[in-house]
Amino acid sequence: MIGSANLNVMIKAARKAGRSLAKDFREVENLQVSRKGPGDVVSKADIAAEAILKEELMGARPTSGWMAEEGGETPGEDPTRRWIVDPLDGTTNFLHGLPHWAVSIALEHKGKIIAGVIYDTTKDELFFAEKGTGAWMNESRIRTSGRNRLIESIFATGLPFAGRADLPETLQDLARLLPACAGVRRFGSAALDMAYVAAGGYDGFWERRLKPWDLAAGIIIVQEAGGLVEALNPTDSIVESGEVICANEPIYESFAKVIRK
């Protein structure tokens, strides 16, 4: 699969940042047993990975805008294009030595995501898509699942932690969904949750209070894999609202109905 120039730049940047993070991740695993703990290593790893991404992406497309977790937002000379980047999605997993985290890069054009890359470094799984060319994991085309019954489907979400205000809503969601489905997973990386919906592992995903960089790349990857993606309020922008619901086409309506009740 040969992508466009944009996609090739994104893939190269994701792999380069991933290699940097992998070195730090090995150090974090070694620090798990020390009292000092790996927190400093993780924040340095995050900042270093973002610097690599900025150098690669802005080096290739210097007029584009920039929005990223660590470095905030910078408007570009070209107001129609923007990089939306998360150097490390799944920071808590990384911090605890759990090998489930990713580099996420999206390219936005005129308010729409037109290309996305999510790179799971520890498994060497690169999910990517570009408008009109399908969704891929490494060399293989991916599609959302064909399951059409909620009771046979599994879903992913994030669970609010540390006193976040959306806990009651999420508990209500779970109270409605759990009796109707085959299970709910909480793996700790929204980017990978959306990639797994695209690849047919999960049948759907929803979450509130996300940041643009958590979900931007996943939007195009799910869409190009044949899935449906909306904000929880269908008239909102997903990126701006930070709320998302996505699933394969056959169960989307029934899943959305349960979550939106």
C-alpha atoms as a PDB file:
ATOM      1  CA  MET A   1       0.000   0.000   0.000  1.00  0.00           C
ATOM      2  CA  ILE A   2       1.665   3.217  -1.166  1.00  0.00           C
ATOM      3  CA  GLY A   3       0.094   6.290   0.385  1.00  0.00           C
ATOM      4  CA  SER A   4       0.220   9.914  -0.610  1.00  0.00           C
ATOM      5  CA  ALA A   5       3.152  12.160   0.263  1.00  0.00           C
ATOM      6  CA  ASN A   6       1.246  13.342   3.356  1.00  0.00           C
ATOM      7  CA  LEU A   7       0.601   9.821   4.574  1.00  0.00           C
ATOM      8  CA  ASN A   8       4.200   8.769   3.995  1.00  0.00           C
ATOM      9  CA  VAL A   9       5.410  11.745   6.065  1.00  0.00           C
ATOM     10  CA  MET A  10       2.973  10.811   8.859  1.00  0.00           C
ATOM     11  CA  ILE A  11       4.006   7.152   8.899  1.00  0.00           C
ATOM     12  CA  LYS A  12       7.702   8.008   8.970  1.00  0.00           C
ATOM     13  CA  ALA A  13       7.140  10.464  11.842  1.00  0.00           C
ATOM     14  CA  ALA A  14       5.037   7.965  13.841  1.00  0.00           C
ATOM     15  CA  ARG A  15       7.658   5.233  13.511  1.00  0.00           C
ATOM     16  CA  LYS A  16      10.473   7.576  14.494  1.00  0.00           C
ATOM     17  CA  ALA A  17       8.606   8.833  17.589  1.00  0.00           C
ATOM     18  CA  GLY A  18       7.640   5.241  18.402  1.00  0.00           C
ATOM     19  CA  ARG A  19      11.280   4.134  18.414  1.00  0.00           C
ATOM     20  CA  SER A  20      12.147   6.943  20.833  1.00  0.00           C
ATOM     21  CA  LEU A  21       9.250   5.973  23.132  1.00  0.00           C
ATOM     22  CA  ALA A  22      10.166   2.275  23.012  1.00  0.00           C
ATOM     23  CA  LYS A  23      13.606   3.036  24.484  1.00  0.00           C
ATOM     24  CA  ASP A  24      12.029   5.037  27.306  1.00  0.00           C
ATOM     25  CA  PHE A  25       9.389   2.343  27.865  1.00  0.00           C
ATOM     26  CA  ARG A  26      12.103  -0.233  28.592  1.00  0.00           C
ATOM     27  CA  GLU A  27      13.486   2.164  31.199  1.00  0.00           C
ATOM     28  CA  VAL A  28      10.019   2.646  32.726  1.00  0.00           C
ATOM     29  CA  GLU A  29       9.613  -1.130  33.050  1.00  0.00           C
ATOM     30  CA  ASN A  30      12.922  -1.266  34.957  1.00  0.00           C
ATOM     31  CA  LEU A  31      11.821   1.582  37.248  1.00  0.00           C
ATOM     32  CA  GLN A  32       8.530  -0.077  38.229  1.00  0.00           C
ATOM     33  CA  VAL A  33      10.194  -1.642  41.255  1.00  0.00           C
ATOM     34  CA  SER A  34      11.966   1.510  42.483  1.00  0.00           C
ATOM     35  CA  ARG A  35      10.439   3.878  45.011  1.00  0.00           C
ATOM     36  CA  LYS A  36      11.378   6.887  42.893  1.00  0.00           C
ATOM     37  CA  GLY A  37       8.977   5.668  40.226  1.00  0.00           C
ATOM     38  CA  PRO A  38       8.970   6.294  36.495  1.00  0.00           C
ATOM     39  CA  GLY A  39       6.935   9.549  36.366  1.00  0.00           C
ATOM     40  CA  ASP A  40       9.805  11.819  35.291  1.00  0.00           C
ATOM     41  CA  VAL A  41      10.888   9.394  32.584  1.00  0.00           C
ATOM     42  CA  VAL A  42       7.360   9.348  31.153  1.00  0.00           C
ATOM     43  CA  SER A  43       6.964  13.125  30.952  1.00  0.00           C
ATOM     44  CA  LYS A  44      10.401  13.416  29.320  1.00  0.00           C
ATOM     45  CA  ALA A  45       9.495  10.589  26.910  1.00  0.00           C
ATOM     46  CA  ASP A  46       6.253  12.347  25.971  1.00  0.00           C
ATOM     47  CA  ILE A  47       7.971  15.701  25.333  1.00  0.00           C
ATOM     48  CA  ALA A  48      10.821  14.075  23.355  1.00  0.00           C
ATOM     49  CA  ALA A  49       8.362  12.165  21.153  1.00  0.00           C
ATOM     50  CA  GLU A  50       6.374  15.333  20.449  1.00  0.00           C
ATOM     51  CA  ALA A  51       9.574  17.174  19.488  1.00  0.00           C
ATOM     52  CA  ILE A  52      10.368  14.413  16.965  1.00  0.00           C
ATOM     53  CA  LEU A  53       6.863  14.600  15.512  1.00  0.00           C
ATOM     54  CA  LYS A  54       6.974  18.385  15.243  1.00  0.00           C
ATOM     55  CA  GLU A  55      10.355  18.312  13.514  1.00  0.00           C
ATOM     56  CA  GLU A  56       9.220  15.680  10.994  1.00  0.00           C
ATOM     57  CA  LEU A  57       5.700  16.962  10.300  1.00  0.00           C
ATOM     58  CA  MET A  58       6.342  20.706  10.358  1.00  0.00           C
ATOM     59  CA  GLY A  59       9.595  20.142   8.467  1.00  0.00           C
ATOM     60  CA  ALA A  60       7.606  18.528   5.664  1.00  0.00           C
ATOM     61  CA  ARG A  61       4.590  20.897   5.809  1.00  0.00           C
ATOM     62  CA  PRO A  62       5.824  24.126   7.463  1.00  0.00           C
ATOM     63  CA  THR A  63       2.729  26.213   6.668  1.00  0.00           C
ATOM     64  CA  SER A  64       0.255  23.896   8.455  1.00  0.00           C
ATOM     65  CA  GLY A  65      -1.191  24.631  11.892  1.00  0.00           C
ATOM     66  CA  TRP A  66      -0.234  22.514  14.905  1.00  0.00           C
ATOM     67  CA  MET A  67      -2.251  21.138  17.813  1.00  0.00           C
ATOM     68  CA  ALA A  68      -0.683  18.690  20.239  1.00  0.00           C
ATOM     69  CA  GLU A  69      -1.025  17.464  23.794  1.00  0.00           C
ATOM     70  CA  GLU A  70       2.214  18.886  25.166  1.00  0.00           C
ATOM     71  CA  GLY A  71       2.866  21.894  22.936  1.00  0.00           C
ATOM     72  CA  GLY A  72      -0.631  23.350  22.654  1.00  0.00           C
ATOM     73  CA  GLU A  73      -1.939  25.015  19.512  1.00  0.00           C
ATOM     74  CA  THR A  74      -0.152  27.165  16.922  1.00  0.00           C
ATOM     75  CA  PRO A  75      -2.011  28.529  13.893  1.00  0.00           C
ATOM     76  CA  GLY A  76      -0.280  28.021  10.542  1.00  0.00           C
ATOM     77  CA  GLU A  77       0.216  30.298   7.560  1.00  0.00           C
ATOM     78  CA  ASP A  78      -2.205  27.975   5.777  1.00  0.00           C
ATOM     79  CA  PRO A  79      -5.393  28.271   7.888  1.00  0.00           C
ATOM     80  CA  THR A  80      -7.021  25.326   6.096  1.00  0.00           C
ATOM     81  CA  ARG A  81      -4.553  22.642   7.268  1.00  0.00           C
ATOM     82  CA  ARG A  82      -3.652  21.481  10.744  1.00  0.00           C
ATOM     83  CA  TRP A  83      -1.700  18.620  12.320  1.00  0.00           C
ATOM     84  CA  ILE A  84      -3.465  17.146  15.387  1.00  0.00           C
ATOM     85  CA  VAL A  85      -0.985  15.033  17.314  1.00  0.00           C
ATOM     86  CA  ASP A  86      -0.797  12.897  20.448  1.00  0.00           C
ATOM     87  CA  PRO A  87       2.787  11.715  20.975  1.00  0.00           C
ATOM     88  CA  LEU A  88       1.702   9.187  23.616  1.00  0.00           C
ATOM     89  CA  ASP A  89      -1.910   8.054  23.889  1.00  0.00           C
ATOM     90  CA  GLY A  90      -2.162   5.708  26.848  1.00  0.00           C
ATOM     91  CA  THR A  91       0.219   7.555  29.183  1.00  0.00           C
ATOM     92  CA  THR A  92      -1.057   5.770  32.309  1.00  0.00           C
ATOM     93  CA  ASN A  93      -0.431   2.379  30.678  1.00  0.00           C
ATOM     94  CA  PHE A  94       3.071   3.534  29.699  1.00  0.00           C
ATOM     95  CA  LEU A  95       3.703   4.754  33.241  1.00  0.00           C
ATOM     96  CA  HIS A  96       2.719   1.367  34.667  1.00  0.00           C
ATOM     97  CA  GLY A  97       4.776  -0.655  32.195  1.00  0.00           C
ATOM     98  CA  LEU A  98       1.676  -1.913  30.342  1.00  0.00           C
ATOM     99  CA  PRO A  99       2.433  -2.422  26.622  1.00  0.00           C
ATOM    100  CA  HIS A 100      -0.707  -0.768  25.255  1.00  0.00           C
ATOM    101  CA  TRP A 101      -0.096   2.803  24.043  1.00  0.00           C
ATOM    102  CA  ALA A 102       0.278   4.557  20.721  1.00  0.00           C
ATOM    103  CA  VAL A 103       1.464   7.535  18.717  1.00  0.00           C
ATOM    104  CA  SER A 104      -1.465   9.279  17.005  1.00  0.00           C
ATOM    105  CA  ILE A 105      -1.283  11.767  14.104  1.00  0.00           C
ATOM    106  CA  ALA A 106      -4.143  13.315  12.135  1.00  0.00           C
ATOM    107  CA  LEU A 107      -4.188  15.795   9.274  1.00  0.00           C
ATOM    108  CA  GLU A 108      -7.165  18.142   9.185  1.00  0.00           C
ATOM    109  CA  HIS A 109      -8.176  20.075   6.072  1.00  0.00           C
ATOM    110  CA  LYS A 110     -10.950  22.689   6.203  1.00  0.00           C
ATOM    111  CA  GLY A 111     -12.268  21.246   9.474  1.00  0.00           C
ATOM    112  CA  LYS A 112     -12.382  17.619   8.258  1.00  0.00           C
ATOM    113  CA  ILE A 113      -9.878  14.876   9.111  1.00  0.00           C
ATOM    114  CA  ILE A 114      -8.431  13.641   5.797  1.00  0.00           C
ATOM    115  CA  ALA A 115      -5.636  11.315   6.990  1.00  0.00           C
ATOM    116  CA  GLY A 116      -4.787   9.482  10.205  1.00  0.00           C
ATOM    117  CA  VAL A 117      -2.052   7.260  11.596  1.00  0.00           C
ATOM    118  CA  ILE A 118      -2.096   5.348  14.903  1.00  0.00           C
ATOM    119  CA  TYR A 119       1.089   3.433  15.689  1.00  0.00           C
ATOM    120  CA  ASP A 120       1.119   0.795  18.444  1.00  0.00           C
ATOM    121  CA  THR A 121       4.872   0.544  18.898  1.00  0.00           C
ATOM    122  CA  THR A 122       5.088  -2.428  21.256  1.00  0.00           C
ATOM    123  CA  LYS A 123       3.051  -4.638  18.882  1.00  0.00           C
ATOM    124  CA  ASP A 124       4.437  -2.957  15.726  1.00  0.00           C
ATOM    125  CA  GLU A 125       0.879  -2.410  14.477  1.00  0.00           C
ATOM    126  CA  LEU A 126       0.459   0.632  12.258  1.00  0.00           C
ATOM    127  CA  PHE A 127      -3.144   1.635  11.561  1.00  0.00           C
ATOM    128  CA  PHE A 128      -3.635   4.274   8.874  1.00  0.00           C
ATOM    129  CA  ALA A 129      -6.184   5.700   6.486  1.00  0.00           C
ATOM    130  CA  GLU A 130      -6.630   8.484   4.025  1.00  0.00           C
ATOM    131  CA  LYS A 131      -9.876   9.807   2.609  1.00  0.00           C
ATOM    132  CA  GLY A 132     -11.112   7.545  -0.174  1.00  0.00           C
ATOM    133  CA  THR A 133      -8.359   4.902   0.024  1.00  0.00           C
ATOM    134  CA  GLY A 134      -9.608   2.539   2.752  1.00  0.00           C
ATOM    135  CA  ALA A 135      -8.144   1.699   6.152  1.00  0.00           C
ATOM    136  CA  TRP A 136      -5.063  -0.442   6.730  1.00  0.00           C
ATOM    137  CA  MET A 137      -3.106  -2.196   9.451  1.00  0.00           C
ATOM    138  CA  ASN A 138       0.461  -2.707   8.223  1.00  0.00           C
ATOM    139  CA  GLU A 139       0.044  -4.408   4.819  1.00  0.00           C
ATOM    140  CA  SER A 140      -3.558  -5.573   5.327  1.00  0.00           C
ATOM    141  CA  ARG A 141      -6.807  -3.817   4.494  1.00  0.00           C
ATOM    142  CA  ILE A 142      -9.055  -3.641   7.561  1.00  0.00           C
ATOM    143  CA  ARG A 143     -12.842  -3.516   7.889  1.00  0.00           C
ATOM    144  CA  THR A 144     -15.253  -3.079  10.764  1.00  0.00           C
ATOM    145  CA  SER A 145     -16.913  -6.271  12.018  1.00  0.00           C
ATOM    146  CA  GLY A 146     -20.054  -7.700  10.445  1.00  0.00           C
ATOM    147  CA  ARG A 147     -21.810  -8.451  13.738  1.00  0.00           C
ATOM    148  CA  ASN A 148     -25.378  -7.246  13.714  1.00  0.00           C
ATOM    149  CA  ARG A 149     -26.707  -8.221  17.165  1.00  0.00           C
ATOM    150  CA  LEU A 150     -25.875  -6.193  20.284  1.00  0.00           C
ATOM    151  CA  ILE A 151     -25.915  -9.329  22.444  1.00  0.00           C
ATOM    152  CA  GLU A 152     -22.997 -10.771  20.403  1.00  0.00           C
ATOM    153  CA  SER A 153     -21.017  -7.517  20.295  1.00  0.00           C
ATOM    154  CA  ILE A 154     -18.269  -6.138  22.511  1.00  0.00           C
ATOM    155  CA  PHE A 155     -17.627  -2.454  23.091  1.00  0.00           C
ATOM    156  CA  ALA A 156     -14.845  -0.276  24.424  1.00  0.00           C
ATOM    157  CA  THR A 157     -14.919   2.885  26.496  1.00  0.00           C
ATOM    158  CA  GLY A 158     -12.861   4.863  28.980  1.00  0.00           C
ATOM    159  CA  LEU A 159     -13.891   4.974  32.637  1.00  0.00           C
ATOM    160  CA  PRO A 160     -13.740   8.353  34.399  1.00  0.00           C
ATOM    161  CA  PHE A 161     -11.103   8.463  37.143  1.00  0.00           C
ATOM    162  CA  ALA A 162      -9.776  10.812  39.817  1.00  0.00           C
ATOM    163  CA  GLY A 163     -13.082  12.528  40.509  1.00  0.00           C
ATOM    164  CA  ARG A 164     -14.022  13.379  36.921  1.00  0.00           C
ATOM    165  CA  ALA A 165     -17.545  14.785  36.659  1.00  0.00           C
ATOM    166  CA  ASP A 166     -18.744  12.388  33.936  1.00  0.00           C
ATOM    167  CA  LEU A 167     -18.690   9.299  36.203  1.00  0.00           C
ATOM    168  CA  PRO A 168     -22.483   9.231  36.816  1.00  0.00           C
ATOM    169  CA  GLU A 169     -23.230   9.412  33.061  1.00  0.00           C
ATOM    170  CA  THR A 170     -20.761   6.624  32.284  1.00  0.00           C
ATOM    171  CA  LEU A 171     -22.191   4.386  35.034  1.00  0.00           C
ATOM    172  CA  GLN A 172     -25.652   4.953  33.563  1.00  0.00           C
ATOM    173  CA  ASP A 173     -24.336   4.064  30.087  1.00  0.00           C
ATOM    174  CA  LEU A 174     -22.879   0.828  31.467  1.00  0.00           C
ATOM    175  CA  ALA A 175     -26.075  -0.024  33.344  1.00  0.00           C
ATOM    176  CA  ARG A 176     -27.988   0.160  30.044  1.00  0.00           C
ATOM    177  CA  LEU A 177     -25.382  -1.428  27.774  1.00  0.00           C
ATOM    178  CA  LEU A 178     -23.938  -4.305  29.838  1.00  0.00           C
ATOM    179  CA  PRO A 179     -27.187  -6.348  30.008  1.00  0.00           C
ATOM    180  CA  ALA A 180     -27.613  -5.929  26.223  1.00  0.00           C
ATOM    181  CA  CYS A 181     -24.142  -6.883  24.937  1.00  0.00           C
ATOM    182  CA  ALA A 182     -21.345  -9.487  25.138  1.00  0.00           C
ATOM    183  CA  GLY A 183     -18.985  -7.258  27.126  1.00  0.00           C
ATOM    184  CA  VAL A 184     -17.279  -3.896  27.596  1.00  0.00           C
ATOM    185  CA  ARG A 185     -13.499  -3.412  27.624  1.00  0.00           C
ATOM    186  CA  ARG A 186     -11.400  -0.603  29.104  1.00  0.00           C
ATOM    187  CA  PHE A 187      -7.856  -0.799  27.706  1.00  0.00           C
ATOM    188  CA  GLY A 188      -6.744   2.783  28.385  1.00  0.00           C
ATOM    189  CA  SER A 189      -6.034   4.230  24.933  1.00  0.00           C
ATOM    190  CA  ALA A 190      -8.855   5.914  23.013  1.00  0.00           C
ATOM    191  CA  ALA A 191      -6.784   5.975  19.801  1.00  0.00           C
ATOM    192  CA  LEU A 192      -6.283   2.192  19.906  1.00  0.00           C
ATOM    193  CA  ASP A 193      -9.932   1.634  20.914  1.00  0.00           C
ATOM    194  CA  MET A 194     -10.967   3.353  17.662  1.00  0.00           C
ATOM    195  CA  ALA A 195      -8.319   1.469  15.658  1.00  0.00           C
ATOM    196  CA  TYR A 196      -9.699  -1.807  17.046  1.00  0.00           C
ATOM    197  CA  VAL A 197     -13.245  -0.835  15.997  1.00  0.00           C
ATOM    198  CA  ALA A 198     -11.865  -0.202  12.489  1.00  0.00           C
ATOM    199  CA  ALA A 199     -10.139  -3.598  12.470  1.00  0.00           C
ATOM    200  CA  GLY A 200     -13.266  -5.446  13.655  1.00  0.00           C
ATOM    201  CA  GLY A 201     -12.017  -6.461  17.124  1.00  0.00           C
ATOM    202  CA  TYR A 202     -14.412  -4.198  18.966  1.00  0.00           C
ATOM    203  CA  ASP A 203     -17.846  -3.650  17.481  1.00  0.00           C
ATOM    204  CA  GLY A 204     -18.141  -0.118  18.872  1.00  0.00           C
ATOM    205  CA  PHE A 205     -16.637   2.527  21.140  1.00  0.00           C
ATOM    206  CA  TRP A 206     -17.897   5.590  22.994  1.00  0.00           C
ATOM    207  CA  GLU A 207     -16.387   8.091  25.374  1.00  0.00           C
ATOM    208  CA  ARG A 208     -16.876  11.602  26.752  1.00  0.00           C
ATOM    209  CA  ARG A 209     -14.396  14.342  27.638  1.00  0.00           C
ATOM    210  CA  LEU A 210     -11.681  13.397  25.202  1.00  0.00           C
ATOM    211  CA  LYS A 211      -9.216  15.861  23.692  1.00  0.00           C
ATOM    212  CA  PRO A 212      -8.996  16.458  19.917  1.00  0.00           C
ATOM    213  CA  TRP A 213      -5.692  14.554  19.714  1.00  0.00           C
ATOM    214  CA  ASP A 214      -7.185  11.472  21.432  1.00  0.00           C
ATOM    215  CA  LEU A 215      -9.678  10.829  18.659  1.00  0.00           C
ATOM    216  CA  ALA A 216      -8.792  12.786  15.500  1.00  0.00           C
ATOM    217  CA  ALA A 217      -6.816  10.012  13.752  1.00  0.00           C
ATOM    218  CA  GLY A 218      -9.360   7.380  14.773  1.00  0.00           C
ATOM    219  CA  ILE A 219     -12.215   9.220  13.035  1.00  0.00           C
ATOM    220  CA  ILE A 220     -10.876   8.734   9.496  1.00  0.00           C
ATOM    221  CA  ILE A 221      -9.574   5.214  10.205  1.00  0.00           C
ATOM    222  CA  VAL A 222     -13.027   4.050  11.398  1.00  0.00           C
ATOM    223  CA  GLN A 223     -14.806   5.819   8.519  1.00  0.00           C
ATOM    224  CA  GLU A 224     -12.507   4.338   5.883  1.00  0.00           C
ATOM    225  CA  ALA A 225     -12.975   0.876   7.427  1.00  0.00           C
ATOM    226  CA  GLY A 226     -16.726   1.190   6.832  1.00  0.00           C
ATOM    227  CA  GLY A 227     -17.785   2.301  10.310  1.00  0.00           C
ATOM    228  CA  LEU A 228     -19.967   5.189  11.413  1.00  0.00           C
ATOM    229  CA  VAL A 229     -18.590   7.916  13.702  1.00  0.00           C
ATOM    230  CA  GLU A 230     -20.503  10.793  15.307  1.00  0.00           C
ATOM    231  CA  ALA A 231     -20.410  13.007  18.371  1.00  0.00           C
ATOM    232  CA  LEU A 232     -22.752  11.876  21.157  1.00  0.00           C
ATOM    233  CA  ASN A 233     -24.902  14.834  20.133  1.00  0.00           C
ATOM    234  CA  PRO A 234     -25.067  14.132  16.372  1.00  0.00           C
ATOM    235  CA  THR A 235     -25.088  17.835  15.463  1.00  0.00           C
ATOM    236  CA  ASP A 236     -21.799  18.562  17.319  1.00  0.00           C
ATOM    237  CA  SER A 237     -18.286  18.389  15.904  1.00  0.00           C
ATOM    238  CA  ILE A 238     -16.506  15.292  17.256  1.00  0.00           C
ATOM    239  CA  VAL A 239     -13.135  17.038  17.497  1.00  0.00           C
ATOM    240  CA  GLU A 240     -14.544  20.128  19.225  1.00  0.00           C
ATOM    241  CA  SER A 241     -16.986  18.359  21.574  1.00  0.00           C
ATOM    242  CA  GLY A 242     -14.531  15.641  22.635  1.00  0.00           C
ATOM    243  CA  GLU A 243     -17.408  13.152  22.660  1.00  0.00           C
ATOM    244  CA  VAL A 244     -17.541  10.232  20.276  1.00  0.00           C
ATOM    245  CA  ILE A 245     -19.574   7.179  19.435  1.00  0.00           C
ATOM    246  CA  CYS A 246     -18.557   4.806  16.645  1.00  0.00           C
ATOM    247  CA  ALA A 247     -19.462   1.304  15.545  1.00  0.00           C
ATOM    248  CA  ASN A 248     -19.860  -0.968  12.574  1.00  0.00           C
ATOM    249  CA  GLU A 249     -22.800  -0.031  10.359  1.00  0.00           C
ATOM    250  CA  PRO A 250     -25.159  -2.950  11.205  1.00  0.00           C
ATOM    251  CA  ILE A 251     -25.300  -2.245  14.955  1.00  0.00           C
ATOM    252  CA  TYR A 252     -24.637   1.488  14.972  1.00  0.00           C
ATOM    253  CA  GLU A 253     -28.270   2.572  15.375  1.00  0.00           C
ATOM    254  CA  SER A 254     -29.122   0.164  18.188  1.00  0.00           C
ATOM    255  CA  PHE A 255     -25.823   0.875  20.006  1.00  0.00           C
ATOM    256  CA  ALA A 256     -26.243   4.651  19.666  1.00  0.00           C
ATOM    257  CA  LYS A 257     -29.818   4.402  20.935  1.00  0.00           C
ATOM    258  CA  VAL A 258     -28.644   2.679  24.143  1.00  0.00           C
ATOM    259  CA  ILE A 259     -25.850   5.196  24.778  1.00  0.00           C
ATOM    260  CA  ARG A 260     -27.859   8.303  23.902  1.00  0.00           C
ATOM    261  CA  LYS A 261     -30.947   7.430  25.984  1.00  0.00           C
END
